[in-house]
Amino acid sequence: MMSTYDTITFEHSNRIALVTINRPDSLNALNQQVMAEVADVFARIDRDKDIAVSVLTGEGRAFAAGADIKEMQPQ
């Protein structure tokens, strides 16, 4: 399990988990790192009996622009 994240933030307070995709310069486009970190944090949340509610949001003006096309170009 990852202990720190580069592309998301995670907060936990009053039984509520707040996960924020934090790539506002790319409109929170989803790349492999974001997906791995989101999967990791939600696995962590799932095991934490002190969390009753999870919220997933995006930093800035977009929730998520979809797939990160720049990452997909070589394919």
Protein backbone atom coordinates (compact mmCIF):
# COMPACT_ATOMS: atom_id res chain seq x y z
CA MET A 1 0.00 0.00 0.00
CA MET A 2 1.23 3.48 -0.85
CA SER A 3 1.65 5.85 2.06
CA THR A 4 1.92 9.08 0.10
CA TYR A 5 0.33 10.10 -3.17
CA ASP A 6 1.54 12.37 -5.97
CA THR A 7 -1.64 12.78 -8.03
CA ILE A 8 -4.38 12.62 -5.39
CA THR A 9 -5.00 13.93 -1.92
CA PHE A 10 -6.68 11.98 0.87
CA GLU A 11 -8.38 13.41 3.94
CA HIS A 12 -10.30 11.59 6.66
CA SER A 13 -12.47 13.34 9.22
CA ASN A 14 -15.69 12.46 11.09
CA ARG A 15 -16.05 9.08 9.31
CA ILE A 16 -15.85 10.79 5.90
CA ALA A 17 -13.04 10.15 3.42
CA LEU A 18 -12.35 12.83 0.82
CA VAL A 19 -10.25 11.79 -2.18
CA THR A 20 -9.34 14.53 -4.64
CA ILE A 21 -7.73 13.96 -8.03
CA ASN A 22 -5.07 16.66 -7.98
CA ARG A 23 -3.90 17.31 -11.56
CA PRO A 24 -5.73 20.58 -12.31
CA ASP A 25 -3.26 21.61 -15.05
CA SER A 26 -4.40 18.60 -17.10
CA LEU A 27 -8.05 18.92 -16.01
CA ASN A 28 -7.43 15.86 -13.82
CA ALA A 29 -6.88 13.60 -16.83
CA LEU A 30 -6.63 9.98 -15.75
CA ASN A 31 -3.23 8.38 -16.30
CA GLN A 32 -1.81 5.12 -14.97
CA GLN A 33 -0.44 6.77 -11.83
CA VAL A 34 -3.78 8.38 -10.95
CA MET A 35 -5.61 5.09 -11.46
CA ALA A 36 -3.08 3.19 -9.31
CA GLU A 37 -3.29 5.77 -6.53
CA VAL A 38 -7.10 5.87 -6.61
CA ALA A 39 -7.25 2.06 -6.47
CA ASP A 40 -4.80 2.06 -3.57
CA VAL A 41 -6.60 4.70 -1.52
CA PHE A 42 -10.01 3.08 -2.00
CA ALA A 43 -8.60 -0.30 -0.92
CA ARG A 44 -7.30 1.51 2.17
CA ILE A 45 -10.70 3.14 2.74
CA ASP A 46 -12.47 -0.22 2.32
CA ARG A 47 -10.38 -1.72 5.14
CA ASP A 48 -10.89 1.24 7.51
CA LYS A 49 -13.94 0.61 9.72
CA ASP A 50 -13.80 4.26 10.88
CA ILE A 51 -14.85 5.47 7.42
CA ALA A 52 -18.55 5.33 6.56
CA VAL A 53 -18.68 7.62 3.50
CA SER A 54 -16.26 8.25 0.62
CA VAL A 55 -16.28 11.24 -1.71
CA LEU A 56 -14.26 11.38 -4.94
CA THR A 57 -13.78 14.81 -6.48
CA GLY A 58 -11.40 16.71 -8.75
CA GLU A 59 -9.27 19.76 -7.99
CA GLY A 60 -9.93 22.88 -10.05
CA ARG A 61 -12.54 23.38 -12.72
CA ALA A 62 -12.97 19.77 -13.86
CA PHE A 63 -13.72 16.49 -12.14
CA ALA A 64 -11.77 14.48 -14.72
CA ALA A 65 -11.21 15.07 -18.41
CA GLY A 66 -11.07 11.34 -19.14
CA ALA A 67 -8.02 9.41 -20.29
CA ASP A 68 -4.70 11.24 -20.46
CA ILE A 69 -4.15 11.37 -24.23
CA LYS A 70 -0.50 12.41 -23.81
CA GLU A 71 0.20 9.15 -22.00
CA MET A 72 -1.57 7.16 -24.73
CA GLN A 73 0.24 8.75 -27.73
CA PRO A 74 3.07 6.16 -27.92
CA GLN A 75 0.46 3.41 -28.25
